[in-house]
Amino acid sequence: MSFAPAVVMQHGKPASSSSLDQVLPMPDFEPTLADRVDQAIQTNPHVNGRLLRFETDGCRVVLQGSVKSYFQKQMAQEAIRKVEGVGQIENCLEVLWA
Protein backbone atom coordinates (compact mmCIF):
# COMPACT_ATOMS: atom_id res chain seq x y z
CA MET A 1 0.00 0.00 0.00
CA SER A 2 1.43 3.42 -0.89
CA PHE A 3 0.26 6.92 -0.13
CA ALA A 4 0.43 9.91 -2.44
CA PRO A 5 2.08 13.03 -1.02
CA ALA A 6 -0.28 15.65 0.36
CA VAL A 7 -1.09 18.51 -1.99
CA VAL A 8 -2.49 21.85 -0.89
CA MET A 9 -5.38 22.80 -3.12
CA GLN A 10 -6.41 26.36 -3.93
CA HIS A 11 -9.54 27.03 -6.00
CA GLY A 12 -9.57 23.41 -7.23
CA LYS A 13 -5.93 23.52 -8.42
CA PRO A 14 -2.74 22.59 -6.63
CA ALA A 15 -1.32 25.61 -4.86
CA SER A 16 2.09 26.75 -5.95
CA SER A 17 4.73 27.33 -3.30
CA SER A 18 4.37 31.09 -3.79
CA SER A 19 0.67 30.95 -3.00
CA LEU A 20 1.06 28.87 0.16
CA ASP A 21 1.52 32.04 2.21
CA GLN A 22 -1.94 33.13 1.12
CA VAL A 23 -3.43 29.75 2.05
CA LEU A 24 -1.64 29.32 5.39
CA PRO A 25 -0.73 32.76 6.78
CA MET A 26 1.48 32.84 9.82
CA PRO A 27 -0.09 34.75 12.70
CA ASP A 28 1.83 37.72 14.01
CA PHE A 29 3.27 37.02 17.44
CA GLU A 30 3.42 40.03 19.71
CA PRO A 31 5.16 39.09 22.96
CA THR A 32 3.22 40.03 26.08
CA LEU A 33 4.72 41.96 28.96
CA ALA A 34 5.05 38.67 30.86
CA ASP A 35 6.96 37.14 27.91
CA ARG A 36 9.34 40.11 27.78
CA VAL A 37 9.92 40.09 31.56
CA ASP A 38 10.55 36.33 31.55
CA GLN A 39 13.07 36.71 28.71
CA ALA A 40 14.89 39.49 30.59
CA ILE A 41 15.14 37.39 33.75
CA GLN A 42 16.21 34.21 31.95
CA THR A 43 18.97 35.99 30.03
CA ASN A 44 20.36 37.90 33.03
CA PRO A 45 23.72 36.34 33.97
CA HIS A 46 23.54 37.63 37.56
CA VAL A 47 20.26 35.96 38.54
CA ASN A 48 19.11 32.35 38.56
CA GLY A 49 15.72 32.78 36.86
CA ARG A 50 14.47 29.35 37.97
CA LEU A 51 14.17 30.60 41.56
CA LEU A 52 12.20 33.72 40.68
CA ARG A 53 8.51 34.20 40.10
CA PHE A 54 6.73 37.28 38.92
CA GLU A 55 3.25 38.58 38.29
CA THR A 56 2.19 41.29 35.89
CA ASP A 57 -0.84 43.52 36.20
CA GLY A 58 -1.03 46.18 33.51
CA CYS A 59 2.39 47.83 33.58
CA ARG A 60 3.14 46.67 37.16
CA VAL A 61 5.53 43.75 37.82
CA VAL A 62 5.85 42.01 41.20
CA LEU A 63 9.05 39.98 41.71
CA GLN A 64 8.84 37.06 44.15
CA GLY A 65 11.15 34.26 45.22
CA SER A 66 14.59 34.11 46.72
CA VAL A 67 18.11 35.12 45.75
CA LYS A 68 21.51 34.67 47.41
CA SER A 69 22.52 38.33 47.74
CA TYR A 70 21.29 41.89 47.68
CA PHE A 71 23.29 42.30 44.46
CA GLN A 72 21.16 39.62 42.77
CA LYS A 73 18.01 41.24 44.11
CA GLN A 74 19.05 44.56 42.59
CA MET A 75 20.17 42.95 39.30
CA ALA A 76 16.80 41.21 38.89
CA GLN A 77 15.07 44.54 39.32
CA GLU A 78 17.44 46.31 36.92
CA ALA A 79 17.00 43.59 34.29
CA ILE A 80 13.26 44.18 34.08
CA ARG A 81 13.43 47.96 34.50
CA LYS A 82 14.58 48.18 30.88
CA VAL A 83 11.75 46.01 29.52
CA GLU A 84 9.28 47.81 27.28
CA GLY A 85 5.94 48.24 29.04
CA VAL A 86 7.21 48.05 32.63
CA GLY A 87 6.02 51.09 34.56
CA GLN A 88 6.24 49.95 38.17
CA ILE A 89 8.31 47.25 39.90
CA GLU A 90 7.56 45.81 43.32
CA ASN A 91 10.65 43.87 44.37
CA CYS A 92 9.55 41.30 46.98
CA LEU A 93 12.60 39.07 46.50
CA GLU A 94 13.92 37.54 49.72
CA VAL A 95 17.69 37.40 50.27
CA LEU A 96 18.78 34.06 51.72
CA TRP A 97 22.35 33.97 52.95
CA ALA A 98 23.11 30.30 52.41
PDB file of N, CA and C in Angstrom:
ATOM      1  N   MET A   1       0.856  -1.166   0.000  1.00  0.00           N
ATOM      2  CA  MET A   1       0.000   0.000   0.000  1.00  0.00           C
ATOM      3  C   MET A   1       0.899   1.225   0.000  1.00  0.00           C
ATOM      4  N   SER A   2       0.644   2.199  -0.848  1.00  0.00           N
ATOM      5  CA  SER A   2       1.430   3.424  -0.886  1.00  0.00           C
ATOM      6  C   SER A   2       0.497   4.615  -0.803  1.00  0.00           C
ATOM      7  N   PHE A   3       1.034   5.697  -0.295  1.00  0.00           N
ATOM      8  CA  PHE A   3       0.256   6.924  -0.131  1.00  0.00           C
ATOM      9  C   PHE A   3       0.845   7.993  -1.021  1.00  0.00           C
ATOM     10  N   ALA A   4      -0.012   8.776  -1.628  1.00  0.00           N
ATOM     11  CA  ALA A   4       0.432   9.906  -2.436  1.00  0.00           C
ATOM     12  C   ALA A   4       0.775  11.055  -1.502  1.00  0.00           C
ATOM     13  N   PRO A   5       1.752  11.877  -1.870  1.00  0.00           N
ATOM     14  CA  PRO A   5       2.081  13.026  -1.022  1.00  0.00           C
ATOM     15  C   PRO A   5       0.911  14.001  -0.952  1.00  0.00           C
ATOM     16  N   ALA A   6       0.801  14.680   0.170  1.00  0.00           N
ATOM     17  CA  ALA A   6      -0.279  15.651   0.357  1.00  0.00           C
ATOM     18  C   ALA A   6      -0.062  16.843  -0.561  1.00  0.00           C
ATOM     19  N   VAL A   7      -1.134  17.348  -1.117  1.00  0.00           N
ATOM     20  CA  VAL A   7      -1.086  18.506  -1.994  1.00  0.00           C
ATOM     21  C   VAL A   7      -2.066  19.531  -1.464  1.00  0.00           C
ATOM     22  N   VAL A   8      -1.612  20.764  -1.316  1.00  0.00           N
ATOM     23  CA  VAL A   8      -2.489  21.852  -0.894  1.00  0.00           C
ATOM     24  C   VAL A   8      -3.239  22.333  -2.112  1.00  0.00           C
ATOM     25  N   MET A   9      -4.553  22.392  -1.997  1.00  0.00           N
ATOM     26  CA  MET A   9      -5.384  22.804  -3.124  1.00  0.00           C
ATOM     27  C   MET A   9      -5.882  24.231  -2.909  1.00  0.00           C
ATOM     28  N   GLN A  10      -5.893  24.998  -3.984  1.00  0.00           N
ATOM     29  CA  GLN A  10      -6.413  26.357  -3.927  1.00  0.00           C
ATOM     30  C   GLN A  10      -7.302  26.558  -5.144  1.00  0.00           C
ATOM     31  N   HIS A  11      -8.561  26.828  -4.928  1.00  0.00           N
ATOM     32  CA  HIS A  11      -9.538  27.026  -5.999  1.00  0.00           C
ATOM     33  C   HIS A  11      -9.547  25.843  -6.957  1.00  0.00           C
ATOM     34  N   GLY A  12      -9.488  24.607  -6.413  1.00  0.00           N
ATOM     35  CA  GLY A  12      -9.573  23.413  -7.230  1.00  0.00           C
ATOM     36  C   GLY A  12      -8.291  23.040  -7.943  1.00  0.00           C
ATOM     37  N   LYS A  13      -7.214  23.817  -7.790  1.00  0.00           N
ATOM     38  CA  LYS A  13      -5.928  23.518  -8.424  1.00  0.00           C
ATOM     39  C   LYS A  13      -4.867  23.413  -7.345  1.00  0.00           C
ATOM     40  N   PRO A  14      -3.821  22.634  -7.617  1.00  0.00           N
ATOM     41  CA  PRO A  14      -2.737  22.585  -6.632  1.00  0.00           C
ATOM     42  C   PRO A  14      -2.141  23.967  -6.419  1.00  0.00           C
ATOM     43  N   ALA A  15      -1.899  24.295  -5.188  1.00  0.00           N
ATOM     44  CA  ALA A  15      -1.324  25.606  -4.865  1.00  0.00           C
ATOM     45  C   ALA A  15       0.163  25.588  -5.140  1.00  0.00           C
ATOM     46  N   SER A  16       0.653  26.636  -5.739  1.00  0.00           N
ATOM     47  CA  SER A  16       2.090  26.750  -5.954  1.00  0.00           C
ATOM     48  C   SER A  16       2.739  27.165  -4.650  1.00  0.00           C
ATOM     49  N   SER A  17       4.037  26.990  -4.544  1.00  0.00           N
ATOM     50  CA  SER A  17       4.732  27.333  -3.302  1.00  0.00           C
ATOM     51  C   SER A  17       4.606  28.821  -2.996  1.00  0.00           C
ATOM     52  N   SER A  18       4.496  29.658  -4.031  1.00  0.00           N
ATOM     53  CA  SER A  18       4.371  31.094  -3.786  1.00  0.00           C
ATOM     54  C   SER A  18       2.993  31.462  -3.251  1.00  0.00           C
ATOM     55  N   SER A  19       2.002  30.616  -3.492  1.00  0.00           N
ATOM     56  CA  SER A  19       0.666  30.947  -3.002  1.00  0.00           C
ATOM     57  C   SER A  19       0.360  30.289  -1.666  1.00  0.00           C
ATOM     58  N   LEU A  20       1.300  29.503  -1.138  1.00  0.00           N
ATOM     59  CA  LEU A  20       1.060  28.871   0.159  1.00  0.00           C
ATOM     60  C   LEU A  20       0.911  29.894   1.271  1.00  0.00           C
ATOM     61  N   ASP A  21       1.631  31.008   1.188  1.00  0.00           N
ATOM     62  CA  ASP A  21       1.515  32.037   2.213  1.00  0.00           C
ATOM     63  C   ASP A  21       0.104  32.591   2.271  1.00  0.00           C
ATOM     64  N   GLN A  22      -0.579  32.631   1.145  1.00  0.00           N
ATOM     65  CA  GLN A  22      -1.942  33.126   1.120  1.00  0.00           C
ATOM     66  C   GLN A  22      -2.890  32.092   1.700  1.00  0.00           C
ATOM     67  N   VAL A  23      -2.579  30.814   1.549  1.00  0.00           N
ATOM     68  CA  VAL A  23      -3.434  29.750   2.051  1.00  0.00           C
ATOM     69  C   VAL A  23      -3.228  29.557   3.552  1.00  0.00           C
ATOM     70  N   LEU A  24      -1.971  29.577   3.995  1.00  0.00           N
ATOM     71  CA  LEU A  24      -1.644  29.322   5.389  1.00  0.00           C
ATOM     72  C   LEU A  24      -0.846  30.485   5.970  1.00  0.00           C
ATOM     73  N   PRO A  25      -1.491  31.614   6.257  1.00  0.00           N
ATOM     74  CA  PRO A  25      -0.733  32.756   6.780  1.00  0.00           C
ATOM     75  C   PRO A  25      -0.241  32.478   8.192  1.00  0.00           C
ATOM     76  N   MET A  26       0.936  32.963   8.480  1.00  0.00           N
ATOM     77  CA  MET A  26       1.484  32.837   9.819  1.00  0.00           C
ATOM     78  C   MET A  26       0.943  33.990  10.676  1.00  0.00           C
ATOM     79  N   PRO A  27       0.406  33.671  11.848  1.00  0.00           N
ATOM     80  CA  PRO A  27      -0.095  34.746  12.705  1.00  0.00           C
ATOM     81  C   PRO A  27       1.063  35.572  13.254  1.00  0.00           C
ATOM     82  N   ASP A  28       0.826  36.857  13.411  1.00  0.00           N
ATOM     83  CA  ASP A  28       1.834  37.722  14.007  1.00  0.00           C
ATOM     84  C   ASP A  28       1.894  37.425  15.501  1.00  0.00           C
ATOM     85  N   PHE A  29       3.094  37.289  16.017  1.00  0.00           N
ATOM     86  CA  PHE A  29       3.272  37.019  17.440  1.00  0.00           C
ATOM     87  C   PHE A  29       3.811  38.266  18.109  1.00  0.00           C
ATOM     88  N   GLU A  30       3.008  38.856  18.952  1.00  0.00           N
ATOM     89  CA  GLU A  30       3.421  40.029  19.713  1.00  0.00           C
ATOM     90  C   GLU A  30       3.649  39.562  21.148  1.00  0.00           C
ATOM     91  N   PRO A  31       4.900  39.566  21.601  1.00  0.00           N
ATOM     92  CA  PRO A  31       5.156  39.090  22.964  1.00  0.00           C
ATOM     93  C   PRO A  31       4.449  39.963  23.997  1.00  0.00           C
ATOM     94  N   THR A  32       3.900  39.317  25.002  1.00  0.00           N
ATOM     95  CA  THR A  32       3.223  40.034  26.077  1.00  0.00           C
ATOM     96  C   THR A  32       4.262  40.596  27.038  1.00  0.00           C
ATOM     97  N   LEU A  33       3.820  41.428  27.949  1.00  0.00           N
ATOM     98  CA  LEU A  33       4.720  41.961  28.962  1.00  0.00           C
ATOM     99  C   LEU A  33       5.338  40.817  29.761  1.00  0.00           C
ATOM    100  N   ALA A  34       4.535  39.812  30.101  1.00  0.00           N
ATOM    101  CA  ALA A  34       5.049  38.668  30.858  1.00  0.00           C
ATOM    102  C   ALA A  34       6.133  37.936  30.068  1.00  0.00           C
ATOM    103  N   ASP A  35       5.944  37.782  28.754  1.00  0.00           N
ATOM    104  CA  ASP A  35       6.963  37.139  27.910  1.00  0.00           C
ATOM    105  C   ASP A  35       8.262  37.934  27.928  1.00  0.00           C
ATOM    106  N   ARG A  36       8.147  39.265  27.814  1.00  0.00           N
ATOM    107  CA  ARG A  36       9.341  40.111  27.782  1.00  0.00           C
ATOM    108  C   ARG A  36      10.072  40.107  29.133  1.00  0.00           C
ATOM    109  N   VAL A  37       9.320  40.128  30.231  1.00  0.00           N
ATOM    110  CA  VAL A  37       9.924  40.088  31.564  1.00  0.00           C
ATOM    111  C   VAL A  37      10.613  38.745  31.778  1.00  0.00           C
ATOM    112  N   ASP A  38       9.958  37.663  31.401  1.00  0.00           N
ATOM    113  CA  ASP A  38      10.549  36.333  31.548  1.00  0.00           C
ATOM    114  C   ASP A  38      11.848  36.229  30.758  1.00  0.00           C
ATOM    115  N   GLN A  39      11.860  36.739  29.539  1.00  0.00           N
ATOM    116  CA  GLN A  39      13.072  36.714  28.711  1.00  0.00           C
ATOM    117  C   GLN A  39      14.201  37.515  29.368  1.00  0.00           C
ATOM    118  N   ALA A  40      13.877  38.660  29.934  1.00  0.00           N
ATOM    119  CA  ALA A  40      14.887  39.494  30.590  1.00  0.00           C
ATOM    120  C   ALA A  40      15.482  38.782  31.801  1.00  0.00           C
ATOM    121  N   ILE A  41      14.651  38.103  32.567  1.00  0.00           N
ATOM    122  CA  ILE A  41      15.140  37.390  33.750  1.00  0.00           C
ATOM    123  C   ILE A  41      15.984  36.185  33.342  1.00  0.00           C
ATOM    124  N   GLN A  42      15.497  35.426  32.365  1.00  0.00           N
ATOM    125  CA  GLN A  42      16.211  34.209  31.949  1.00  0.00           C
ATOM    126  C   GLN A  42      17.563  34.510  31.316  1.00  0.00           C
ATOM    127  N   THR A  43      17.713  35.658  30.697  1.00  0.00           N
ATOM    128  CA  THR A  43      18.975  35.990  30.026  1.00  0.00           C
ATOM    129  C   THR A  43      19.912  36.818  30.897  1.00  0.00           C
ATOM    130  N   ASN A  44      19.513  37.126  32.124  1.00  0.00           N
ATOM    131  CA  ASN A  44      20.361  37.897  33.025  1.00  0.00           C
ATOM    132  C   ASN A  44      21.400  36.975  33.654  1.00  0.00           C
ATOM    133  N   PRO A  45      22.688  37.242  33.441  1.00  0.00           N
ATOM    134  CA  PRO A  45      23.724  36.341  33.968  1.00  0.00           C
ATOM    135  C   PRO A  45      23.910  36.427  35.486  1.00  0.00           C
ATOM    136  N   HIS A  46      23.338  37.429  36.133  1.00  0.00           N
ATOM    137  CA  HIS A  46      23.538  37.630  37.565  1.00  0.00           C
ATOM    138  C   HIS A  46      22.458  36.985  38.426  1.00  0.00           C
ATOM    139  N   VAL A  47      21.401  36.470  37.782  1.00  0.00           N
ATOM    140  CA  VAL A  47      20.255  35.964  38.535  1.00  0.00           C
ATOM    141  C   VAL A  47      19.889  34.582  38.021  1.00  0.00           C
ATOM    142  N   ASN A  48      19.598  33.675  38.935  1.00  0.00           N
ATOM    143  CA  ASN A  48      19.107  32.354  38.558  1.00  0.00           C
ATOM    144  C   ASN A  48      17.595  32.464  38.393  1.00  0.00           C
ATOM    145  N   GLY A  49      17.138  32.555  37.156  1.00  0.00           N
ATOM    146  CA  GLY A  49      15.720  32.777  36.865  1.00  0.00           C
ATOM    147  C   GLY A  49      14.796  31.668  37.313  1.00  0.00           C
ATOM    148  N   ARG A  50      15.325  30.468  37.553  1.00  0.00           N
ATOM    149  CA  ARG A  50      14.469  29.352  37.974  1.00  0.00           C
ATOM    150  C   ARG A  50      13.938  29.552  39.386  1.00  0.00           C
ATOM    151  N   LEU A  51      14.603  30.394  40.175  1.00  0.00           N
ATOM    152  CA  LEU A  51      14.172  30.602  41.555  1.00  0.00           C
ATOM    153  C   LEU A  51      13.266  31.822  41.710  1.00  0.00           C
ATOM    154  N   LEU A  52      13.015  32.514  40.621  1.00  0.00           N
ATOM    155  CA  LEU A  52      12.198  33.724  40.678  1.00  0.00           C
ATOM    156  C   LEU A  52      10.816  33.472  40.095  1.00  0.00           C
ATOM    157  N   ARG A  53       9.866  34.178  40.641  1.00  0.00           N
ATOM    158  CA  ARG A  53       8.507  34.196  40.101  1.00  0.00           C
ATOM    159  C   ARG A  53       8.137  35.655  39.931  1.00  0.00           C
ATOM    160  N   PHE A  54       7.201  35.907  39.069  1.00  0.00           N
ATOM    161  CA  PHE A  54       6.730  37.277  38.923  1.00  0.00           C
ATOM    162  C   PHE A  54       5.286  37.272  38.471  1.00  0.00           C
ATOM    163  N   GLU A  55       4.621  38.358  38.740  1.00  0.00           N
ATOM    164  CA  GLU A  55       3.251  38.581  38.292  1.00  0.00           C
ATOM    165  C   GLU A  55       3.215  39.917  37.585  1.00  0.00           C
ATOM    166  N   THR A  56       2.378  40.014  36.566  1.00  0.00           N
ATOM    167  CA  THR A  56       2.188  41.294  35.885  1.00  0.00           C
ATOM    168  C   THR A  56       0.728  41.688  35.992  1.00  0.00           C
ATOM    169  N   ASP A  57       0.517  42.965  36.147  1.00  0.00           N
ATOM    170  CA  ASP A  57      -0.837  43.523  36.198  1.00  0.00           C
ATOM    171  C   ASP A  57      -0.758  44.884  35.522  1.00  0.00           C
ATOM    172  N   GLY A  58      -1.193  44.946  34.273  1.00  0.00           N
ATOM    173  CA  GLY A  58      -1.025  46.176  33.514  1.00  0.00           C
ATOM    174  C   GLY A  58       0.452  46.401  33.280  1.00  0.00           C
ATOM    175  N   CYS A  59       0.964  47.537  33.734  1.00  0.00           N
ATOM    176  CA  CYS A  59       2.392  47.831  33.583  1.00  0.00           C
ATOM    177  C   CYS A  59       3.167  47.560  34.870  1.00  0.00           C
ATOM    178  N   ARG A  60       2.520  46.947  35.855  1.00  0.00           N
ATOM    179  CA  ARG A  60       3.135  46.665  37.160  1.00  0.00           C
ATOM    180  C   ARG A  60       3.671  45.237  37.180  1.00  0.00           C
ATOM    181  N   VAL A  61       4.908  45.070  37.692  1.00  0.00           N
ATOM    182  CA  VAL A  61       5.533  43.754  37.818  1.00  0.00           C
ATOM    183  C   VAL A  61       5.891  43.544  39.284  1.00  0.00           C
ATOM    184  N   VAL A  62       5.516  42.383  39.822  1.00  0.00           N
ATOM    185  CA  VAL A  62       5.852  42.012  41.199  1.00  0.00           C
ATOM    186  C   VAL A  62       6.815  40.835  41.133  1.00  0.00           C
ATOM    187  N   LEU A  63       8.039  41.043  41.639  1.00  0.00           N
ATOM    188  CA  LEU A  63       9.053  39.981  41.713  1.00  0.00           C
ATOM    189  C   LEU A  63       8.907  39.232  43.023  1.00  0.00           C
ATOM    190  N   GLN A  64       8.943  37.901  42.956  1.00  0.00           N
ATOM    191  CA  GLN A  64       8.836  37.065  44.152  1.00  0.00           C
ATOM    192  C   GLN A  64       9.845  35.937  44.054  1.00  0.00           C
ATOM    193  N   GLY A  65      10.198  35.359  45.185  1.00  0.00           N
ATOM    194  CA  GLY A  65      11.145  34.259  45.215  1.00  0.00           C
ATOM    195  C   GLY A  65      12.315  34.600  46.101  1.00  0.00           C
ATOM    196  N   SER A  66      13.413  33.881  45.883  1.00  0.00           N
ATOM    197  CA  SER A  66      14.587  34.107  46.721  1.00  0.00           C
ATOM    198  C   SER A  66      15.847  34.187  45.871  1.00  0.00           C
ATOM    199  N   VAL A  67      16.795  34.963  46.371  1.00  0.00           N
ATOM    200  CA  VAL A  67      18.106  35.120  45.746  1.00  0.00           C
ATOM    201  C   VAL A  67      19.159  35.002  46.840  1.00  0.00           C
ATOM    202  N   LYS A  68      20.432  34.897  46.441  1.00  0.00           N
ATOM    203  CA  LYS A  68      21.509  34.669  47.407  1.00  0.00           C
ATOM    204  C   LYS A  68      22.180  35.933  47.907  1.00  0.00           C
ATOM    205  N   SER A  69      21.870  37.090  47.294  1.00  0.00           N
ATOM    206  CA  SER A  69      22.521  38.327  47.738  1.00  0.00           C
ATOM    207  C   SER A  69      21.666  39.539  47.365  1.00  0.00           C
ATOM    208  N   TYR A  70      21.977  40.646  48.022  1.00  0.00           N
ATOM    209  CA  TYR A  70      21.293  41.889  47.679  1.00  0.00           C
ATOM    210  C   TYR A  70      21.673  42.348  46.270  1.00  0.00           C
ATOM    211  N   PHE A  71      22.868  41.991  45.832  1.00  0.00           N
ATOM    212  CA  PHE A  71      23.287  42.302  44.463  1.00  0.00           C
ATOM    213  C   PHE A  71      22.363  41.623  43.461  1.00  0.00           C
ATOM    214  N   GLN A  72      22.064  40.334  43.672  1.00  0.00           N
ATOM    215  CA  GLN A  72      21.160  39.618  42.768  1.00  0.00           C
ATOM    216  C   GLN A  72      19.753  40.203  42.805  1.00  0.00           C
ATOM    217  N   LYS A  73      19.328  40.612  43.987  1.00  0.00           N
ATOM    218  CA  LYS A  73      18.008  41.237  44.112  1.00  0.00           C
ATOM    219  C   LYS A  73      17.950  42.502  43.255  1.00  0.00           C
ATOM    220  N   GLN A  74      18.996  43.319  43.358  1.00  0.00           N
ATOM    221  CA  GLN A  74      19.047  44.560  42.586  1.00  0.00           C
ATOM    222  C   GLN A  74      19.174  44.273  41.086  1.00  0.00           C
ATOM    223  N   MET A  75      19.972  43.274  40.711  1.00  0.00           N
ATOM    224  CA  MET A  75      20.175  42.948  39.295  1.00  0.00           C
ATOM    225  C   MET A  75      18.894  42.424  38.652  1.00  0.00           C
ATOM    226  N   ALA A  76      18.088  41.684  39.406  1.00  0.00           N
ATOM    227  CA  ALA A  76      16.800  41.212  38.886  1.00  0.00           C
ATOM    228  C   ALA A  76      15.891  42.400  38.594  1.00  0.00           C
ATOM    229  N   GLN A  77      15.887  43.339  39.502  1.00  0.00           N
ATOM    230  CA  GLN A  77      15.073  44.538  39.319  1.00  0.00           C
ATOM    231  C   GLN A  77      15.567  45.353  38.132  1.00  0.00           C
ATOM    232  N   GLU A  78      16.879  45.529  38.025  1.00  0.00           N
ATOM    233  CA  GLU A  78      17.440  46.313  36.925  1.00  0.00           C
ATOM    234  C   GLU A  78      17.215  45.640  35.572  1.00  0.00           C
ATOM    235  N   ALA A  79      17.211  44.319  35.549  1.00  0.00           N
ATOM    236  CA  ALA A  79      16.995  43.595  34.290  1.00  0.00           C
ATOM    237  C   ALA A  79      15.608  43.866  33.726  1.00  0.00           C
ATOM    238  N   ILE A  80      14.621  43.953  34.599  1.00  0.00           N
ATOM    239  CA  ILE A  80      13.260  44.175  34.082  1.00  0.00           C
ATOM    240  C   ILE A  80      12.912  45.657  33.980  1.00  0.00           C
ATOM    241  N   ARG A  81      13.693  46.522  34.597  1.00  0.00           N
ATOM    242  CA  ARG A  81      13.425  47.961  34.500  1.00  0.00           C
ATOM    243  C   ARG A  81      13.503  48.428  33.047  1.00  0.00           C
ATOM    244  N   LYS A  82      14.355  47.786  32.270  1.00  0.00           N
ATOM    245  CA  LYS A  82      14.581  48.183  30.877  1.00  0.00           C
ATOM    246  C   LYS A  82      13.575  47.572  29.902  1.00  0.00           C
ATOM    247  N   VAL A  83      12.709  46.700  30.383  1.00  0.00           N
ATOM    248  CA  VAL A  83      11.751  46.010  29.524  1.00  0.00           C
ATOM    249  C   VAL A  83      10.639  46.967  29.098  1.00  0.00           C
ATOM    250  N   GLU A  84      10.338  46.950  27.810  1.00  0.00           N
ATOM    251  CA  GLU A  84       9.280  47.807  27.281  1.00  0.00           C
ATOM    252  C   GLU A  84       7.942  47.448  27.925  1.00  0.00           C
ATOM    253  N   GLY A  85       7.252  48.440  28.442  1.00  0.00           N
ATOM    254  CA  GLY A  85       5.939  48.243  29.043  1.00  0.00           C
ATOM    255  C   GLY A  85       5.946  48.191  30.556  1.00  0.00           C
ATOM    256  N   VAL A  86       7.126  48.087  31.166  1.00  0.00           N
ATOM    257  CA  VAL A  86       7.208  48.052  32.631  1.00  0.00           C
ATOM    258  C   VAL A  86       7.158  49.479  33.148  1.00  0.00           C
ATOM    259  N   GLY A  87       6.168  49.757  33.994  1.00  0.00           N
ATOM    260  CA  GLY A  87       6.020  51.089  34.556  1.00  0.00           C
ATOM    261  C   GLY A  87       6.296  51.134  36.043  1.00  0.00           C
ATOM    262  N   GLN A  88       6.060  50.002  36.727  1.00  0.00           N
ATOM    263  CA  GLN A  88       6.244  49.946  38.174  1.00  0.00           C
ATOM    264  C   GLN A  88       6.770  48.563  38.536  1.00  0.00           C
ATOM    265  N   ILE A  89       7.739  48.515  39.453  1.00  0.00           N
ATOM    266  CA  ILE A  89       8.308  47.250  39.905  1.00  0.00           C
ATOM    267  C   ILE A  89       8.173  47.172  41.414  1.00  0.00           C
ATOM    268  N   GLU A  90       7.614  46.080  41.890  1.00  0.00           N
ATOM    269  CA  GLU A  90       7.560  45.807  43.323  1.00  0.00           C
ATOM    270  C   GLU A  90       8.492  44.624  43.566  1.00  0.00           C
ATOM    271  N   ASN A  91       9.628  44.889  44.171  1.00  0.00           N
ATOM    272  CA  ASN A  91      10.648  43.869  44.372  1.00  0.00           C
ATOM    273  C   ASN A  91      10.454  43.205  45.733  1.00  0.00           C
ATOM    274  N   CYS A  92       9.807  42.044  45.743  1.00  0.00           N
ATOM    275  CA  CYS A  92       9.550  41.297  46.975  1.00  0.00           C
ATOM    276  C   CYS A  92      10.492  40.100  47.097  1.00  0.00           C
ATOM    277  N   LEU A  93      11.642  40.168  46.413  1.00  0.00           N
ATOM    278  CA  LEU A  93      12.600  39.069  46.503  1.00  0.00           C
ATOM    279  C   LEU A  93      13.195  38.991  47.902  1.00  0.00           C
ATOM    280  N   GLU A  94      13.349  37.779  48.399  1.00  0.00           N
ATOM    281  CA  GLU A  94      13.925  37.538  49.718  1.00  0.00           C
ATOM    282  C   GLU A  94      15.380  37.134  49.545  1.00  0.00           C
ATOM    283  N   VAL A  95      16.260  37.748  50.328  1.00  0.00           N
ATOM    284  CA  VAL A  95      17.692  37.402  50.271  1.00  0.00           C
ATOM    285  C   VAL A  95      17.954  36.324  51.313  1.00  0.00           C
ATOM    286  N   LEU A  96      18.448  35.169  50.836  1.00  0.00           N
ATOM    287  CA  LEU A  96      18.780  34.059  51.719  1.00  0.00           C
ATOM    288  C   LEU A  96      20.285  33.864  51.728  1.00  0.00           C
ATOM    289  N   TRP A  97      20.907  34.140  52.828  1.00  0.00           N
ATOM    290  CA  TRP A  97      22.350  33.973  52.947  1.00  0.00           C
ATOM    291  C   TRP A  97      22.636  32.517  53.240  1.00  0.00           C
ATOM    292  N   ALA A  98      22.885  31.759  52.196  1.00  0.00           N
ATOM    293  CA  ALA A  98      23.110  30.303  52.413  1.00  0.00           C
ATOM    294  C   ALA A  98      24.531  29.913  52.135  1.00  0.00           C
TER     295      ALA A  98
END
